[in-house]
């Protein structure tokens, strides 16, 4: 598509933002708040239960109904890990879809890591980059089949800060062009390295310049590397969340540990959710429990309780 057409699409999406739709939303996906809806809705990301799934205690096919029964939520985000070879297995995907739909559970997106070991969307080699892009095609098609609005991808690359931005944007643009006819959004999560630098990732999304390219801000994934003394180097999570919310089509409420008052020890949820709401986002906020103790089910429930309390406080303000 020509640059003028790109600009028209991008500016139309930007205009939609003023009407309460996040920049880059497809025509079918709005994150504005309806008058009778809560300030935001709560879903559960599949990685929250990866140990239960890995041990065989929870069949991935039953993930949607399990979340409905145990957490009383009506939406989920899938993670490709438990079924990374099933994207083209229509019988498997249809069964998983049917079980969720029958349980009254919406399927929001699929979190995709590195499909088929094909490398990174920002690979320095053009042929390798193209192969990485094409490896995501089947997940775009699977997301469409499942009724999802997006897939989550990574923006890893190599080189200088500027080189990586250019390469990542190129790979993402190619994938967005493929996904557009499917009305599937391509969302980039802050997922380590430069992608956890809110300024860098925001710049990449602007460079992609496609209405179906956006972000999935994760409250806990702002580790950008290590300092000279070996300690972890972190980007400010509140600043990063604010920067990424400009383009957000999903939000990940990462949690690791809770204090005696039910607050997450590393993230001020009230402050973070105020940033989310101030950005005009009223869609689903996905619980992603990554802690060791308590167990996964209790960790999800504690996160849900905190989000509900924060929602009540923000609604009353």
Protein backbone atom coordinates (compact mmCIF):
# COMPACT_ATOMS: atom_id res chain seq x y z
CA UNK A 1 0.00 0.00 0.00
CA UNK A 2 1.25 3.47 -0.84
CA UNK A 3 2.37 5.90 1.82
CA UNK A 4 -0.63 8.23 1.25
CA UNK A 5 -2.98 5.27 1.79
CA UNK A 6 -0.99 4.31 4.88
CA UNK A 7 -1.35 7.81 6.18
CA UNK A 8 -5.10 7.90 5.54
CA UNK A 9 -5.58 4.64 7.43
CA UNK A 10 -3.35 5.77 10.28
CA UNK A 11 -5.06 9.14 10.58
CA UNK A 12 -8.49 7.51 10.49
CA UNK A 13 -7.44 5.30 13.38
CA UNK A 14 -6.11 8.32 15.23
CA UNK A 15 -9.43 10.09 14.70
CA UNK A 16 -11.19 7.05 16.14
CA UNK A 17 -9.14 7.48 19.30
CA UNK A 18 -10.93 10.74 20.02
CA UNK A 19 -14.19 8.80 19.86
CA UNK A 20 -12.94 6.36 22.49
CA UNK A 21 -11.43 3.71 20.24
CA UNK A 22 -7.80 2.83 20.76
CA UNK A 23 -5.45 3.76 17.93
CA UNK A 24 -5.31 0.96 15.41
CA UNK A 25 -8.55 -0.79 16.39
CA UNK A 26 -10.13 -2.86 13.68
CA UNK A 27 -13.71 -1.85 12.84
CA UNK A 28 -14.92 -4.83 14.86
CA UNK A 29 -12.98 -4.06 18.03
CA UNK A 30 -13.78 -1.16 20.34
CA UNK A 31 -12.23 -0.52 23.74
CA UNK A 32 -14.52 2.37 24.63
CA UNK A 33 -16.83 2.11 27.62
CA UNK A 34 -20.52 1.58 27.08
CA UNK A 35 -22.77 3.30 29.61
CA UNK A 36 -23.92 0.07 31.24
CA UNK A 37 -20.51 -1.62 31.34
CA UNK A 38 -17.92 -1.68 34.14
CA UNK A 39 -14.90 0.62 34.02
CA UNK A 40 -12.89 -2.32 32.67
CA UNK A 41 -13.42 -6.06 32.32
CA UNK A 42 -11.29 -8.92 33.60
CA UNK A 43 -9.97 -11.94 31.71
CA UNK A 44 -7.32 -14.59 32.37
CA UNK A 45 -4.18 -15.28 30.34
CA UNK A 46 -3.40 -18.95 29.82
CA UNK A 47 0.22 -18.63 30.94
CA UNK A 48 -1.16 -18.09 34.45
CA UNK A 49 -1.90 -21.83 34.56
CA UNK A 50 1.09 -23.14 32.63
CA UNK A 51 2.20 -25.40 35.49
CA UNK A 52 -1.22 -27.01 35.80
CA UNK A 53 -1.25 -27.53 32.04
CA UNK A 54 2.34 -28.78 31.96
CA UNK A 55 1.64 -31.35 34.68
CA UNK A 56 -1.37 -32.69 32.80
CA UNK A 57 -3.84 -31.61 35.47
CA UNK A 58 -5.52 -29.22 33.03
CA UNK A 59 -6.14 -30.08 29.39
CA UNK A 60 -5.62 -26.98 27.18
CA UNK A 61 -8.86 -27.87 25.41
CA UNK A 62 -10.70 -27.18 28.67
CA UNK A 63 -9.00 -23.89 29.45
CA UNK A 64 -11.98 -21.64 28.71
CA UNK A 65 -14.54 -23.63 30.72
CA UNK A 66 -12.01 -24.04 33.55
CA UNK A 67 -11.59 -20.27 33.84
CA UNK A 68 -15.35 -19.75 33.80
CA UNK A 69 -15.90 -22.29 36.56
CA UNK A 70 -12.95 -21.41 38.79
CA UNK A 71 -12.56 -17.66 38.27
CA UNK A 72 -16.01 -16.53 37.09
CA UNK A 73 -14.65 -14.65 34.06
CA UNK A 74 -16.19 -14.47 30.61
CA UNK A 75 -13.03 -14.05 28.51
CA UNK A 76 -9.57 -15.60 28.09
CA UNK A 77 -6.29 -15.03 26.28
CA UNK A 78 -4.67 -18.15 24.88
CA UNK A 79 -0.94 -18.91 24.89
CA UNK A 80 0.47 -20.99 22.04
CA UNK A 81 2.77 -22.96 24.35
CA UNK A 82 0.42 -25.86 25.16
CA UNK A 83 -0.65 -26.34 21.52
CA UNK A 84 2.21 -24.88 19.50
CA UNK A 85 1.85 -27.54 16.80
CA UNK A 86 -1.92 -27.24 16.50
CA UNK A 87 -2.42 -23.96 14.62
CA UNK A 88 -3.40 -25.83 11.44
CA UNK A 89 -5.20 -28.65 13.26
CA UNK A 90 -8.69 -27.35 12.60
CA UNK A 91 -10.38 -30.18 14.50
CA UNK A 92 -8.36 -29.39 17.63
CA UNK A 93 -8.83 -25.64 17.39
CA UNK A 94 -12.54 -26.01 16.65
CA UNK A 95 -12.99 -28.24 19.71
CA UNK A 96 -11.21 -25.75 21.95
CA UNK A 97 -13.27 -22.92 20.46
CA UNK A 98 -16.56 -24.80 20.90
CA UNK A 99 -15.83 -25.62 24.53
CA UNK A 100 -15.16 -21.98 25.32
CA UNK A 101 -18.20 -20.72 23.42
CA UNK A 102 -20.44 -23.31 25.06
CA UNK A 103 -19.19 -22.13 28.46
CA UNK A 104 -19.98 -18.51 27.57
CA UNK A 105 -16.31 -17.51 27.30
CA UNK A 106 -14.96 -15.03 24.74
CA UNK A 107 -11.60 -15.76 23.10
CA UNK A 108 -9.68 -12.50 22.89
CA UNK A 109 -6.25 -13.29 21.47
CA UNK A 110 -3.47 -15.83 21.11
CA UNK A 111 -0.06 -15.05 22.60
CA UNK A 112 2.52 -16.22 20.05
CA UNK A 113 6.19 -16.62 20.90
CA UNK A 114 8.59 -17.88 18.20
CA UNK A 115 6.49 -20.16 15.95
CA UNK A 116 8.21 -23.20 14.50
CA UNK A 117 11.59 -21.91 15.69
CA UNK A 118 11.66 -19.44 12.79
CA UNK A 119 13.46 -16.63 14.58
CA UNK A 120 12.57 -13.03 15.17
CA UNK A 121 10.35 -10.59 13.29
CA UNK A 122 13.24 -8.11 13.41
CA UNK A 123 15.92 -10.51 12.16
CA UNK A 124 18.76 -8.59 10.43
CA UNK A 125 18.71 -10.93 7.42
CA UNK A 126 15.84 -10.08 5.08
CA UNK A 127 15.18 -13.70 4.12
CA UNK A 128 15.19 -14.83 7.75
CA UNK A 129 12.93 -11.92 8.66
CA UNK A 130 10.48 -12.90 5.92
CA UNK A 131 10.52 -16.51 7.12
CA UNK A 132 9.74 -15.33 10.65
CA UNK A 133 6.85 -13.24 9.36
CA UNK A 134 5.45 -16.14 7.35
CA UNK A 135 5.73 -18.48 10.35
CA UNK A 136 3.12 -16.28 12.06
CA UNK A 137 0.60 -16.60 9.22
CA UNK A 138 -0.96 -19.78 10.56
CA UNK A 139 -1.54 -18.12 13.92
CA UNK A 140 -3.30 -15.18 12.29
CA UNK A 141 -5.54 -17.68 10.53
CA UNK A 142 -6.09 -19.62 13.76
CA UNK A 143 -6.99 -16.44 15.64
CA UNK A 144 -9.54 -15.58 12.98
CA UNK A 145 -11.02 -19.06 13.15
CA UNK A 146 -11.26 -18.80 16.95
CA UNK A 147 -13.00 -15.42 16.89
CA UNK A 148 -10.06 -13.58 18.46
CA UNK A 149 -9.31 -9.94 17.69
CA UNK A 150 -5.50 -10.20 17.87
CA UNK A 151 -2.33 -12.20 18.18
CA UNK A 152 0.46 -11.09 20.49
CA UNK A 153 3.97 -11.20 19.03
CA UNK A 154 7.50 -10.18 19.98
CA UNK A 155 9.69 -7.48 18.41
CA UNK A 156 13.15 -8.93 18.99
CA UNK A 157 16.03 -7.92 16.76
CA UNK A 158 19.80 -7.32 16.70
CA UNK A 159 22.05 -4.30 16.22
CA UNK A 160 21.99 -0.76 17.49
CA UNK A 161 18.89 0.77 19.03
CA UNK A 162 18.04 2.49 15.75
CA UNK A 163 18.80 -0.56 13.59
CA UNK A 164 16.58 -2.75 15.74
CA UNK A 165 13.71 -0.25 15.55
CA UNK A 166 13.94 -0.19 11.75
CA UNK A 167 14.15 -3.99 11.42
CA UNK A 168 11.38 -4.74 13.91
CA UNK A 169 9.09 -2.22 12.23
CA UNK A 170 9.71 -3.82 8.85
CA UNK A 171 8.84 -7.32 10.06
CA UNK A 172 5.77 -6.10 11.91
CA UNK A 173 4.59 -4.13 8.88
CA UNK A 174 4.81 -7.22 6.69
CA UNK A 175 2.82 -9.25 9.20
CA UNK A 176 0.21 -6.51 9.62
CA UNK A 177 -0.32 -6.38 5.86
CA UNK A 178 -1.01 -10.11 5.84
CA UNK A 179 -3.36 -9.86 8.85
CA UNK A 180 -5.42 -6.90 7.63
CA UNK A 181 -7.85 -8.88 5.42
CA UNK A 182 -8.48 -11.19 8.39
CA UNK A 183 -9.30 -8.20 10.62
CA UNK A 184 -6.70 -9.45 13.08
CA UNK A 185 -4.53 -7.04 15.05
CA UNK A 186 -0.81 -7.61 15.63
CA UNK A 187 0.07 -6.64 19.20
CA UNK A 188 3.59 -6.27 20.56
CA UNK A 189 4.19 -6.91 24.24
CA UNK A 190 6.99 -5.37 26.25
CA UNK A 191 8.80 -8.67 26.61
CA UNK A 192 12.40 -8.00 27.54
CA UNK A 193 15.32 -6.12 26.03
CA UNK A 194 14.52 -3.05 23.95
CA UNK A 195 10.87 -4.05 23.70
CA UNK A 196 10.62 -3.27 27.44
CA UNK A 197 11.72 0.29 26.75
CA UNK A 198 8.40 2.12 26.37
CA UNK A 199 9.88 4.90 24.28
CA UNK A 200 11.58 2.49 21.88
CA UNK A 201 8.52 0.28 21.40
CA UNK A 202 6.19 3.26 20.93
CA UNK A 203 8.54 4.51 18.22
CA UNK A 204 8.43 1.11 16.52
CA UNK A 205 4.63 1.10 16.44
CA UNK A 206 4.62 4.57 14.91
CA UNK A 207 7.09 3.41 12.26
CA UNK A 208 4.91 0.42 11.35
CA UNK A 209 2.17 2.89 10.50
CA UNK A 210 -0.60 0.30 10.15
CA UNK A 211 -4.06 0.60 11.74
CA UNK A 212 -3.96 -3.02 12.96
CA UNK A 213 -0.62 -2.70 14.78
CA UNK A 214 -0.74 -2.06 18.51
CA UNK A 215 0.66 -2.93 21.91
CA UNK A 216 -0.12 -5.21 24.81
CA UNK A 217 1.36 -3.43 27.84
CA UNK A 218 2.42 -5.85 30.58
CA UNK A 219 2.69 -4.31 34.06
CA UNK A 220 5.64 -6.48 35.08
CA UNK A 221 7.73 -6.87 31.92
CA UNK A 222 9.90 -3.77 31.98
CA UNK A 223 13.28 -5.41 32.56
CA UNK A 224 15.55 -4.03 29.85
CA UNK A 225 18.80 -5.78 30.78
CA UNK A 226 21.52 -5.83 33.44
CA UNK A 227 23.71 -3.13 34.94
CA UNK A 228 27.51 -3.31 35.05
CA UNK A 229 27.36 -4.74 38.57
CA UNK A 230 25.11 -7.57 37.39
CA UNK A 231 21.93 -6.20 38.91
CA UNK A 232 18.74 -6.05 36.85
CA UNK A 233 18.09 -2.89 34.89
CA UNK A 234 14.47 -1.77 34.76
CA UNK A 235 12.52 0.77 32.76
CA UNK A 236 10.03 2.73 34.86
CA UNK A 237 6.86 0.64 34.66
CA UNK A 238 4.50 3.57 35.12
CA UNK A 239 6.15 5.68 32.43
CA UNK A 240 6.38 2.65 30.16
CA UNK A 241 2.73 1.76 30.64
CA UNK A 242 1.72 5.34 29.86
CA UNK A 243 3.78 5.32 26.67
CA UNK A 244 2.46 1.96 25.48
CA UNK A 245 -1.19 2.68 26.31
CA UNK A 246 -1.28 5.08 23.34
CA UNK A 247 -1.52 2.00 21.10
CA UNK A 248 -2.95 -0.64 23.45
CA UNK A 249 -5.54 -3.17 22.34
CA UNK A 250 -5.07 -5.44 25.37
CA UNK A 251 -3.52 -5.10 28.83
CA UNK A 252 -1.69 -7.71 30.93
CA UNK A 253 -1.97 -7.41 34.71
CA UNK A 254 1.20 -9.25 35.66
CA UNK A 255 1.45 -10.37 39.29
CA UNK A 256 4.17 -12.17 41.25
CA UNK A 257 3.56 -11.70 44.96
CA UNK A 258 1.01 -10.19 47.34
CA UNK A 259 1.39 -8.57 50.75
CA UNK A 260 -0.88 -9.06 53.76
CA UNK A 261 -3.21 -6.32 52.47
CA UNK A 262 -3.78 -8.02 49.13
CA UNK A 263 -1.58 -5.62 47.15
CA UNK A 264 0.91 -6.73 44.51
CA UNK A 265 4.36 -6.05 45.96
CA UNK A 266 6.08 -4.81 42.79
CA UNK A 267 3.31 -2.89 41.03
CA UNK A 268 0.94 -0.22 42.31
CA UNK A 269 -2.21 -1.48 40.61
CA UNK A 270 -4.25 1.60 41.46
CA UNK A 271 -1.66 3.84 39.82
CA UNK A 272 -1.28 1.57 36.80
CA UNK A 273 -5.00 1.13 36.23
CA UNK A 274 -5.50 4.89 36.50
CA UNK A 275 -3.01 5.22 33.62
CA UNK A 276 -4.95 2.58 31.67
CA UNK A 277 -8.29 4.32 32.20
CA UNK A 278 -6.85 7.77 31.49
CA UNK A 279 -5.77 6.42 28.09
CA UNK A 280 -9.43 5.75 27.27
CA UNK A 281 -9.09 1.97 27.53
CA UNK A 282 -12.07 0.12 28.99
CA UNK A 283 -11.56 -3.32 27.48
CA UNK A 284 -10.37 -6.53 29.08
CA UNK A 285 -7.43 -6.57 31.49
CA UNK A 286 -5.87 -10.03 31.46
CA UNK A 287 -4.61 -11.59 34.67
CA UNK A 288 -1.15 -13.12 34.23
CA UNK A 289 0.03 -14.73 37.44
CA UNK A 290 3.74 -15.62 37.39
CA UNK A 291 4.42 -16.14 41.08
CA UNK A 292 5.68 -19.26 42.79
CA UNK A 293 3.57 -19.12 45.93
CA UNK A 294 0.66 -19.37 46.38
CA UNK A 295 -0.36 -21.81 43.67
CA UNK A 296 -1.66 -20.78 40.28
CA UNK A 297 -5.37 -20.90 41.05
CA UNK A 298 -5.02 -18.87 44.24
CA UNK A 299 -2.63 -16.45 42.51
CA UNK A 300 -5.19 -15.74 39.80
CA UNK A 301 -7.94 -15.28 42.39
CA UNK A 302 -5.80 -12.85 44.41
CA UNK A 303 -5.08 -10.82 41.28
CA UNK A 304 -8.75 -10.77 40.33
CA UNK A 305 -9.71 -9.61 43.82
CA UNK A 306 -7.16 -6.79 43.61
CA UNK A 307 -8.37 -5.70 40.17
CA UNK A 308 -11.97 -5.69 41.38
CA UNK A 309 -11.04 -3.57 44.41
CA UNK A 310 -9.12 -1.14 42.21
CA UNK A 311 -12.03 -0.96 39.79
CA UNK A 312 -14.40 -0.11 42.63
CA UNK A 313 -12.07 2.62 43.88
CA UNK A 314 -11.61 4.16 40.44
CA UNK A 315 -15.32 3.95 39.70
CA UNK A 316 -16.12 5.80 42.92
CA UNK A 317 -13.55 8.56 42.32
